[in-house]
Amino acid sequence: MTLHQNLIDGAWVGGEGVANINPSDTNDVVGEYARASKDDALAAIAAAKAAFPKWSRSGILERHQILRKTADEILARKDELGRLLSREEGKTLAEGVGETVRAAQVFDFFAGEVLRLAGEAIPSVRPGVGIEVTREPVGVVGIITPWNFPIAIPAWKIAPALAYGNTVVFKPAELVPGCAWAIVDILHRAGLPKGVLNLVMGKGSVVGQAMLDSPDVTAQTFTGSVATGKRVAAACVEHMRKFQLEMGGKNPLVVLDDADLAVAVDCAVNGAFFSTGQRCTASSRLIVTEGIHDRFVAAVTEKLKGLVVDDALKAGTHIGPVVDPNQLAQDQDYVEIGRKEGATLAFGGERLNRETPGFYLQPALFTEATNAMRISREEIFGPVASVIRVKDYDEALQLANDTPFGLSSGICTTSLKYSTHFRRNAEAGMVMVNLPTAGVDFHVPFGGRKGSSFGSREQGR
């Protein structure tokens, strides 16, 4: 099997190979991917630092053409890359292709932004003096990405870094090196000068730590767990580098008595369970007022009964496997925690067997949960959601905001009064009305408040 190597200073370099396993079929090896060492990471950082002076002063047309060419190739290969994504991460094929298209759109958007770079010329209060405000590239950007969006998140971190004249050291999640390798290969062949983009696949404790310890990494962007995000922040403060964090979520979807029931059910099921619930924007808390509660629970349960959990590549599959055995064990632990806390397991939560060996879990729906339970406070990151019964809108809003997180929040209602008030008062970076909490356009800012995010927004201008 071909070893997919790391890219350092414009050259593909080998190393210890690690198998990339398909969570839908553990007998299927997606590929062998090199594992970088600490020395590899340091060499990548040195290459990025050396390439920065020239790349930061490169012409905007050169950068535009490279990003545009990358967007075009990703889009042309969307079916192939979408299939690769589904094999290594476990999203359904439709979701894999959709995410690949999203990555192409991100590169296309930032290709356009390169041509729209702007500053300000403003008058001075001092006679005869002019003032020019310009935006300059930061330097070497360290990029650490998670496994749940293996092509979209790397795209929305790498594209702006390159567009604005920065150089990059990129470490993808160990579980999903395939998509990362593919987009780096595309960018490399699109004409990036050596050292501008460096790929170092490997362990966070080795490669990621080397990036955090290096004073030559001048900015760091990270998406992942809260615990790791705090370690990233502490390391960045030590070096006084600019940093950006996207971390957890415990996102509420409020359903009011006046909601369109079909819309509310679709929003809840899509937001909570699609992509196997492995989204930081997933609707893990369903906060439902008394008048619609019983009908909502019955309708969601009926909808869940019709969902097919199976191999991500199979036609007709709605929900693929959990990403790996560790995540599966965590999901199952939380199902047991919910039971012990006194919530009612209204549906699912069972390990499933399918034709191929994989990490299959029936979506779990808890009812009679409270906002004080661990299943309502802690991010599970799987197909597990809790229904919390409330008496009215005021209680729903209070509970929606009663969380250390603040990434996404949603409401299902036909009331202009309540939807307007919720948009203004929900303590989240993104607020949805009659839409799933998961999902945002590629050309608008993405990010949260409180413990969910730190630093500048991702995507958008």
Protein backbone atom coordinates (compact mmCIF):
# COMPACT_ATOMS: atom_id res chain seq x y z
CA MET A 1 0.00 0.00 0.00
CA THR A 2 1.33 3.46 -0.91
CA LEU A 3 2.59 5.51 2.03
CA HIS A 4 1.13 9.02 2.01
CA GLN A 5 3.95 11.23 3.22
CA ASN A 6 4.21 14.53 5.02
CA LEU A 7 4.95 17.69 3.04
CA ILE A 8 7.87 19.67 4.46
CA ASP A 9 9.60 22.52 2.62
CA GLY A 10 8.06 21.48 -0.68
CA ALA A 11 9.16 17.82 -0.47
CA TRP A 12 7.22 14.69 0.43
CA VAL A 13 9.05 12.98 3.27
CA GLY A 14 8.43 9.53 4.72
CA GLY A 15 8.20 8.13 8.18
CA GLU A 16 6.41 5.49 10.18
CA GLY A 17 3.18 4.50 8.45
CA VAL A 18 -0.14 4.31 10.30
CA ALA A 19 -3.27 2.64 8.93
CA ASN A 20 -6.36 4.80 8.39
CA ILE A 21 -9.35 2.60 9.31
CA ASN A 22 -12.92 2.87 8.00
CA PRO A 23 -15.34 3.09 10.98
CA SER A 24 -18.11 1.57 8.82
CA ASP A 25 -15.95 -1.47 8.10
CA THR A 26 -12.92 -2.01 10.30
CA ASN A 27 -11.56 -4.51 7.76
CA ASP A 28 -11.20 -1.68 5.25
CA VAL A 29 -7.89 0.21 5.40
CA VAL A 30 -8.37 3.58 3.71
CA GLY A 31 -4.62 4.11 3.36
CA GLU A 32 -1.25 4.31 5.10
CA TYR A 33 -0.22 7.76 6.31
CA ALA A 34 3.15 8.86 7.64
CA ARG A 35 3.45 9.84 11.27
CA ALA A 36 5.64 12.91 11.75
CA SER A 37 8.23 13.21 14.52
CA LYS A 38 9.10 16.24 16.64
CA ASP A 39 12.06 16.88 14.33
CA ASP A 40 9.70 16.81 11.32
CA ALA A 41 7.49 19.39 13.00
CA LEU A 42 10.46 21.64 13.77
CA ALA A 43 11.68 21.33 10.17
CA ALA A 44 8.20 22.30 8.92
CA ILE A 45 8.15 25.36 11.18
CA ALA A 46 11.60 26.40 9.99
CA ALA A 47 10.52 26.00 6.36
CA ALA A 48 7.41 28.11 6.92
CA LYS A 49 9.44 30.81 8.63
CA ALA A 50 11.95 30.89 5.76
CA ALA A 51 9.19 31.07 3.14
CA PHE A 52 7.26 33.87 4.87
CA PRO A 53 9.16 36.99 3.71
CA LYS A 54 8.72 36.22 0.02
CA TRP A 55 5.18 34.78 0.23
CA SER A 56 3.91 37.67 2.38
CA ARG A 57 4.93 40.05 -0.39
CA SER A 58 3.68 37.91 -3.26
CA GLY A 59 1.26 39.36 -5.77
CA ILE A 60 -2.45 39.08 -5.14
CA LEU A 61 -3.04 37.52 -8.57
CA GLU A 62 -0.63 34.66 -7.79
CA ARG A 63 -2.42 33.88 -4.54
CA HIS A 64 -5.83 34.26 -6.18
CA GLN A 65 -4.96 31.83 -8.96
CA ILE A 66 -3.62 29.16 -6.58
CA LEU A 67 -6.70 29.28 -4.36
CA ARG A 68 -9.06 29.36 -7.33
CA LYS A 69 -7.31 26.41 -8.97
CA THR A 70 -7.60 24.51 -5.67
CA ALA A 71 -11.31 25.26 -5.45
CA ASP A 72 -11.87 24.08 -9.01
CA GLU A 73 -10.05 20.76 -8.48
CA ILE A 74 -11.82 20.00 -5.19
CA LEU A 75 -15.18 20.65 -6.85
CA ALA A 76 -14.29 18.55 -9.89
CA ARG A 77 -13.31 15.67 -7.59
CA LYS A 78 -16.20 16.08 -5.14
CA ASP A 79 -17.52 12.54 -5.56
CA GLU A 80 -14.08 10.96 -5.12
CA LEU A 81 -13.10 13.14 -2.15
CA GLY A 82 -16.56 12.85 -0.61
CA ARG A 83 -16.24 9.08 -0.72
CA LEU A 84 -12.79 9.29 0.89
CA LEU A 85 -14.24 11.49 3.64
CA SER A 86 -17.10 9.08 4.31
CA ARG A 87 -14.73 6.11 4.43
CA GLU A 88 -12.39 7.64 6.97
CA GLU A 89 -14.83 9.62 9.16
CA GLY A 90 -18.15 7.77 8.86
CA LYS A 91 -20.41 10.52 7.53
CA THR A 92 -22.97 9.35 4.99
CA LEU A 93 -21.87 9.69 1.39
CA ALA A 94 -24.28 12.58 0.82
CA GLU A 95 -22.82 14.41 3.82
CA GLY A 96 -19.27 13.63 2.67
CA VAL A 97 -19.88 15.04 -0.80
CA GLY A 98 -21.67 18.04 0.69
CA GLU A 99 -18.77 18.83 2.97
CA THR A 100 -16.33 18.53 0.07
CA VAL A 101 -18.37 21.05 -1.93
CA ARG A 102 -18.29 23.31 1.12
CA ALA A 103 -14.47 23.15 1.14
CA ALA A 104 -14.37 24.12 -2.53
CA GLN A 105 -16.70 27.05 -1.83
CA VAL A 106 -14.45 28.22 1.00
CA PHE A 107 -11.36 28.23 -1.22
CA ASP A 108 -13.33 30.00 -3.96
CA PHE A 109 -14.55 32.65 -1.50
CA PHE A 110 -11.05 33.42 -0.23
CA ALA A 111 -9.68 33.43 -3.77
CA GLY A 112 -12.06 36.32 -4.30
CA GLU A 113 -11.09 37.96 -1.00
CA VAL A 114 -7.46 38.11 -2.15
CA LEU A 115 -8.55 40.52 -4.88
CA ARG A 116 -10.54 42.60 -2.40
CA LEU A 117 -7.79 43.29 0.13
CA ALA A 118 -8.30 46.81 1.38
CA GLY A 119 -7.11 49.33 3.92
CA GLU A 120 -8.04 52.87 4.80
CA ALA A 121 -6.71 56.28 3.91
CA ILE A 122 -7.91 58.71 6.54
CA PRO A 123 -7.13 62.38 7.26
CA SER A 124 -4.92 63.34 10.18
CA VAL A 125 -5.71 65.95 12.79
CA ARG A 126 -2.22 67.26 12.05
CA PRO A 127 -2.02 69.58 9.01
CA GLY A 128 -0.07 68.17 6.08
CA VAL A 129 -0.04 64.61 7.42
CA GLY A 130 -1.73 61.63 5.79
CA ILE A 131 -2.59 58.32 7.46
CA GLU A 132 -2.75 54.92 5.80
CA VAL A 133 -4.11 51.89 7.67
CA THR A 134 -3.10 48.54 6.21
CA ARG A 135 -3.59 44.90 7.21
CA GLU A 136 -0.46 42.77 7.24
CA PRO A 137 0.06 38.98 7.39
CA VAL A 138 0.94 37.67 10.85
CA GLY A 139 3.64 35.14 9.94
CA VAL A 140 3.74 31.39 10.50
CA VAL A 141 0.24 30.09 11.31
CA GLY A 142 -0.05 26.79 13.15
CA ILE A 143 -3.25 24.93 12.27
CA ILE A 144 -4.65 22.03 14.34
CA THR A 145 -7.93 20.55 13.11
CA PRO A 146 -10.41 17.98 14.49
CA TRP A 147 -11.70 14.73 13.01
CA ASN A 148 -15.38 15.57 12.62
CA PHE A 149 -15.08 17.87 9.57
CA PRO A 150 -11.91 16.54 7.93
CA ILE A 151 -12.01 18.68 4.80
CA ALA A 152 -14.18 21.72 5.59
CA ILE A 153 -12.41 22.85 8.75
CA PRO A 154 -8.90 22.54 7.24
CA ALA A 155 -10.23 24.52 4.26
CA TRP A 156 -11.61 27.37 6.32
CA LYS A 157 -8.37 27.64 8.30
CA ILE A 158 -5.85 27.18 5.49
CA ALA A 159 -7.56 29.29 2.81
CA PRO A 160 -7.59 32.63 4.69
CA ALA A 161 -4.10 32.06 6.10
CA LEU A 162 -2.70 31.69 2.58
CA ALA A 163 -4.95 34.35 1.07
CA TYR A 164 -3.59 37.01 3.39
CA GLY A 165 0.08 36.09 2.87
CA ASN A 166 0.80 33.84 5.85
CA THR A 167 2.68 30.55 5.74
CA VAL A 168 1.23 27.41 7.34
CA VAL A 169 2.16 24.38 9.42
CA PHE A 170 -0.86 22.07 9.38
CA LYS A 171 -1.54 19.15 11.73
CA PRO A 172 -4.81 17.29 11.05
CA ALA A 173 -6.47 14.93 13.53
CA GLU A 174 -4.85 11.49 13.61
CA LEU A 175 -8.13 9.74 12.79
CA VAL A 176 -8.66 11.51 9.45
CA PRO A 177 -5.38 12.13 7.58
CA GLY A 178 -6.80 11.22 4.16
CA CYS A 179 -8.75 14.39 3.36
CA ALA A 180 -6.00 16.55 4.84
CA TRP A 181 -3.38 14.91 2.64
CA ALA A 182 -5.61 15.30 -0.43
CA ILE A 183 -6.16 19.05 -0.08
CA VAL A 184 -2.48 19.68 0.71
CA ASP A 185 -1.56 17.70 -2.40
CA ILE A 186 -3.99 19.79 -4.46
CA LEU A 187 -2.61 23.07 -3.08
CA HIS A 188 0.96 21.89 -3.64
CA ARG A 189 0.27 21.05 -7.28
CA ALA A 190 -1.65 24.31 -7.72
CA GLY A 191 1.68 26.12 -7.47
CA LEU A 192 2.42 27.02 -3.86
CA PRO A 193 6.13 27.82 -3.42
CA LYS A 194 8.04 25.41 -1.19
CA GLY A 195 7.69 25.97 2.53
CA VAL A 196 4.48 28.01 2.27
CA LEU A 197 2.28 25.06 3.28
CA ASN A 198 3.63 22.19 5.37
CA LEU A 199 1.73 19.06 6.39
CA VAL A 200 2.78 17.18 9.53
CA MET A 201 0.47 14.27 10.33
CA GLY A 202 0.93 12.66 13.70
CA LYS A 203 0.22 12.66 17.41
CA GLY A 204 -0.92 15.84 19.09
CA SER A 205 1.38 15.11 22.02
CA VAL A 206 4.36 15.14 19.63
CA VAL A 207 3.59 17.28 16.58
CA GLY A 208 1.04 19.58 18.18
CA GLN A 209 3.22 20.12 21.23
CA ALA A 210 6.20 21.01 19.06
CA MET A 211 4.09 23.65 17.34
CA LEU A 212 2.91 25.10 20.65
CA ASP A 213 6.43 25.15 22.11
CA SER A 214 8.03 26.91 19.13
CA PRO A 215 8.52 30.68 19.34
CA ASP A 216 8.59 30.73 15.53
CA VAL A 217 4.85 29.95 15.27
CA THR A 218 3.40 33.45 15.39
CA ALA A 219 -0.30 32.55 15.34
CA GLN A 220 -2.24 29.41 16.22
CA THR A 221 -5.73 28.25 15.30
CA PHE A 222 -7.27 25.22 16.98
CA THR A 223 -10.59 23.39 16.86
CA GLY A 224 -11.19 20.60 19.36
CA SER A 225 -12.00 19.87 22.98
CA VAL A 226 -12.21 22.45 25.75
CA ALA A 227 -9.46 20.75 27.76
CA THR A 228 -7.01 20.78 24.86
CA GLY A 229 -8.06 24.30 23.92
CA LYS A 230 -7.08 25.54 27.36
CA ARG A 231 -3.64 23.96 26.97
CA VAL A 232 -3.29 25.63 23.56
CA ALA A 233 -4.25 28.98 25.08
CA ALA A 234 -1.73 28.66 27.92
CA ALA A 235 1.07 27.77 25.50
CA CYS A 236 0.20 30.70 23.23
CA VAL A 237 0.14 33.17 26.11
CA GLU A 238 3.61 31.95 27.08
CA HIS A 239 4.87 33.07 23.66
CA MET A 240 2.50 36.07 23.39
CA ARG A 241 1.24 34.77 20.05
CA LYS A 242 -2.12 35.48 18.50
CA PHE A 243 -4.48 32.52 18.88
CA GLN A 244 -7.98 31.41 18.00
CA LEU A 245 -9.97 28.58 19.60
CA GLU A 246 -13.15 26.79 18.56
CA MET A 247 -14.17 24.31 21.24
CA GLY A 248 -17.28 22.70 22.67
CA GLY A 249 -21.00 23.27 22.56
CA LYS A 250 -24.11 22.17 24.44
CA ASN A 251 -26.52 23.77 22.04
CA PRO A 252 -30.19 24.32 22.88
CA LEU A 253 -33.11 24.05 20.49
CA VAL A 254 -36.17 25.70 22.02
CA VAL A 255 -39.56 24.45 20.81
CA LEU A 256 -42.54 26.63 21.75
CA ASP A 257 -46.22 25.64 21.84
CA ASP A 258 -46.93 27.63 18.67
CA ALA A 259 -44.21 25.92 16.62
CA ASP A 260 -44.97 24.10 13.39
CA LEU A 261 -44.55 20.54 14.70
CA ALA A 262 -43.15 19.12 11.46
CA VAL A 263 -40.57 21.90 11.21
CA ALA A 264 -39.58 21.46 14.86
CA VAL A 265 -39.14 17.71 14.49
CA ASP A 266 -37.04 18.08 11.35
CA CYS A 267 -34.85 20.71 13.04
CA ALA A 268 -34.39 18.55 16.14
CA VAL A 269 -33.61 15.28 14.36
CA ASN A 270 -31.29 16.90 11.82
CA GLY A 271 -29.50 19.03 14.39
CA ALA A 272 -29.16 16.36 17.07
CA PHE A 273 -28.53 13.15 15.15
CA PHE A 274 -27.30 13.72 11.59
CA SER A 275 -23.53 13.40 11.10
CA THR A 276 -23.95 10.91 13.98
CA GLY A 277 -24.31 13.87 16.35
CA GLN A 278 -20.58 14.52 15.96
CA ARG A 279 -20.88 18.27 15.43
CA CYS A 280 -19.96 21.03 17.87
CA THR A 281 -23.17 22.75 16.73
CA ALA A 282 -25.42 19.72 17.37
CA SER A 283 -28.73 20.25 19.21
CA SER A 284 -28.02 18.18 22.31
CA ARG A 285 -30.59 19.96 24.52
CA LEU A 286 -34.18 20.05 23.24
CA ILE A 287 -36.03 22.52 25.47
CA VAL A 288 -39.77 22.09 24.90
CA THR A 289 -42.77 23.91 26.40
CA GLU A 290 -45.54 21.89 28.06
CA GLY A 291 -48.28 22.41 25.50
CA ILE A 292 -46.38 20.74 22.65
CA HIS A 293 -44.02 18.50 24.66
CA ASP A 294 -45.84 15.17 24.39
CA ARG A 295 -46.67 15.57 20.70
CA PHE A 296 -43.09 16.61 19.97
CA VAL A 297 -41.57 13.63 21.81
CA ALA A 298 -43.93 11.21 20.06
CA ALA A 299 -43.17 12.68 16.64
CA VAL A 300 -39.39 12.71 17.17
CA THR A 301 -39.50 9.10 18.39
CA GLU A 302 -41.47 8.06 15.34
CA LYS A 303 -39.01 9.88 13.08
CA LEU A 304 -36.06 8.13 14.75
CA LYS A 305 -37.67 4.74 14.18
CA GLY A 306 -37.50 5.38 10.43
CA LEU A 307 -33.83 6.36 10.31
CA VAL A 308 -31.40 3.80 8.89
CA VAL A 309 -28.10 3.41 10.77
CA ASP A 310 -25.62 1.58 8.55
CA ASP A 311 -22.47 1.74 6.42
CA ALA A 312 -21.86 5.37 5.45
CA LEU A 313 -21.39 4.40 1.80
CA LYS A 314 -24.64 2.45 1.48
CA ALA A 315 -27.54 4.01 -0.41
CA GLY A 316 -30.39 4.75 1.99
CA THR A 317 -28.23 5.22 5.08
CA HIS A 318 -29.29 8.22 7.18
CA ILE A 319 -26.73 7.92 9.97
CA GLY A 320 -23.29 6.35 9.74
CA PRO A 321 -21.10 4.92 12.49
CA VAL A 322 -19.44 6.68 15.40
CA VAL A 323 -15.87 7.60 14.42
CA ASP A 324 -13.90 5.11 16.55
CA PRO A 325 -14.16 2.76 19.55
CA ASN A 326 -13.16 5.44 22.05
CA GLN A 327 -15.96 7.76 20.94
CA LEU A 328 -18.42 4.85 20.93
CA ALA A 329 -17.45 3.97 24.51
CA GLN A 330 -17.89 7.61 25.56
CA ASP A 331 -21.36 7.76 23.99
CA GLN A 332 -22.40 4.53 25.69
CA ASP A 333 -21.06 5.78 29.02
CA TYR A 334 -23.23 8.89 28.75
CA VAL A 335 -26.30 6.80 27.93
CA GLU A 336 -25.70 4.93 31.19
CA ILE A 337 -25.06 8.20 33.05
CA GLY A 338 -28.38 9.56 31.81
CA ARG A 339 -30.21 6.47 33.04
CA LYS A 340 -28.58 6.70 36.47
CA GLU A 341 -29.40 10.40 36.73
CA GLY A 342 -33.09 9.62 36.36
CA ALA A 343 -33.79 10.64 32.78
CA THR A 344 -36.02 8.34 30.74
CA LEU A 345 -34.40 6.67 27.73
CA ALA A 346 -37.34 7.05 25.35
CA PHE A 347 -35.54 5.62 22.32
CA GLY A 348 -32.31 3.98 21.23
CA GLY A 349 -28.90 4.03 22.85
CA GLU A 350 -28.07 0.46 21.87
CA ARG A 351 -24.97 -0.83 20.10
CA LEU A 352 -25.95 -2.14 16.66
CA ASN A 353 -24.53 -4.92 14.51
CA ARG A 354 -24.47 -4.55 10.76
CA GLU A 355 -23.20 -6.53 7.78
CA THR A 356 -19.73 -5.03 8.19
CA PRO A 357 -17.90 -4.63 11.53
CA GLY A 358 -18.17 -0.99 12.60
CA PHE A 359 -18.96 1.38 15.43
CA TYR A 360 -22.74 1.57 15.10
CA LEU A 361 -24.97 3.16 17.74
CA GLN A 362 -28.74 3.63 17.72
CA PRO A 363 -29.51 7.35 18.26
CA ALA A 364 -30.52 7.94 21.88
CA LEU A 365 -33.34 10.24 22.99
CA PHE A 366 -33.79 11.03 26.68
CA THR A 367 -36.94 12.60 28.11
CA GLU A 368 -37.74 14.02 31.54
CA ALA A 369 -34.22 15.38 31.73
CA THR A 370 -33.24 18.43 33.75
CA ASN A 371 -30.70 21.06 32.91
CA ALA A 372 -28.67 20.07 35.98
CA MET A 373 -27.93 16.54 34.72
CA ARG A 374 -24.52 15.73 33.29
CA ILE A 375 -26.14 14.71 30.00
CA SER A 376 -27.44 18.30 29.82
CA ARG A 377 -24.22 20.00 30.94
CA GLU A 378 -21.36 18.11 29.28
CA GLU A 379 -20.65 17.76 25.58
CA ILE A 380 -21.22 14.13 24.57
CA PHE A 381 -20.32 14.52 20.89
CA GLY A 382 -22.49 11.66 19.69
CA PRO A 383 -26.07 10.84 18.68
CA VAL A 384 -27.51 11.51 22.14
CA ALA A 385 -30.03 14.26 22.92
CA SER A 386 -32.11 15.20 25.97
CA VAL A 387 -35.61 16.68 26.07
CA ILE A 388 -36.14 19.18 28.89
CA ARG A 389 -39.75 20.14 29.68
CA VAL A 390 -40.43 23.81 30.58
CA LYS A 391 -43.57 25.78 31.33
CA ASP A 392 -43.10 28.80 29.06
CA TYR A 393 -40.80 30.88 26.87
CA ASP A 394 -39.15 32.70 29.77
CA GLU A 395 -38.07 29.45 31.41
CA ALA A 396 -36.94 28.11 28.04
CA LEU A 397 -34.71 31.14 27.42
CA GLN A 398 -33.28 30.95 30.94
CA LEU A 399 -32.34 27.28 30.54
CA ALA A 400 -31.04 27.81 27.00
CA ASN A 401 -28.54 30.31 28.38
CA ASP A 402 -27.73 28.28 31.50
CA THR A 403 -24.63 26.60 30.08
CA PRO A 404 -20.89 27.31 30.09
CA PHE A 405 -21.01 27.08 26.29
CA GLY A 406 -22.37 29.49 23.71
CA LEU A 407 -21.77 28.29 20.17
CA SER A 408 -25.17 27.87 18.53
CA SER A 409 -28.76 28.23 19.69
CA GLY A 410 -32.11 27.76 17.99
CA ILE A 411 -35.82 28.32 18.39
CA CYS A 412 -38.84 26.85 16.63
CA THR A 413 -41.83 29.21 16.75
CA THR A 414 -44.29 31.00 14.50
CA SER A 415 -44.20 34.06 16.75
CA LEU A 416 -42.33 37.10 15.48
CA LYS A 417 -42.27 38.41 19.04
CA TYR A 418 -40.53 35.39 20.51
CA SER A 419 -38.20 34.78 17.58
CA THR A 420 -37.03 38.41 17.66
CA HIS A 421 -36.56 38.39 21.43
CA PHE A 422 -34.67 35.07 21.30
CA ARG A 423 -32.30 36.29 18.59
CA ARG A 424 -31.42 39.29 20.73
CA ASN A 425 -31.14 37.45 24.04
CA ALA A 426 -29.78 33.98 23.28
CA GLU A 427 -26.19 33.87 24.57
CA ALA A 428 -24.68 32.18 21.54
CA GLY A 429 -22.48 33.22 18.66
CA MET A 430 -25.01 31.94 16.12
CA VAL A 431 -28.80 31.91 16.54
CA MET A 432 -31.17 30.00 14.27
CA VAL A 433 -34.92 30.45 13.82
CA ASN A 434 -36.87 27.43 12.51
CA LEU A 435 -33.57 25.89 11.36
CA PRO A 436 -31.27 23.22 12.82
CA THR A 437 -28.60 24.60 15.14
CA ALA A 438 -26.00 22.89 12.93
CA GLY A 439 -25.26 24.59 9.63
CA VAL A 440 -23.99 27.99 8.53
CA ASP A 441 -23.15 29.54 5.17
CA PHE A 442 -19.53 29.47 4.03
CA HIS A 443 -19.27 33.23 3.52
CA VAL A 444 -20.38 34.39 6.99
CA PRO A 445 -18.57 34.43 10.36
CA PHE A 446 -18.56 31.21 12.41
CA GLY A 447 -17.92 31.12 16.14
CA GLY A 448 -19.36 31.21 19.62
CA ARG A 449 -19.34 32.92 22.98
CA LYS A 450 -18.38 31.96 26.53
CA GLY A 451 -16.51 28.64 26.72
CA SER A 452 -17.11 27.73 23.08
CA SER A 453 -14.73 30.10 21.32
CA PHE A 454 -11.90 32.52 21.82
CA GLY A 455 -10.40 35.04 19.44
CA SER A 456 -11.44 36.17 16.00
CA ARG A 457 -14.21 34.46 14.04
CA GLU A 458 -13.57 31.89 11.34
CA GLN A 459 -14.85 32.22 7.77
CA GLY A 460 -16.31 35.42 6.39
CA ARG A 461 -14.32 38.57 5.76
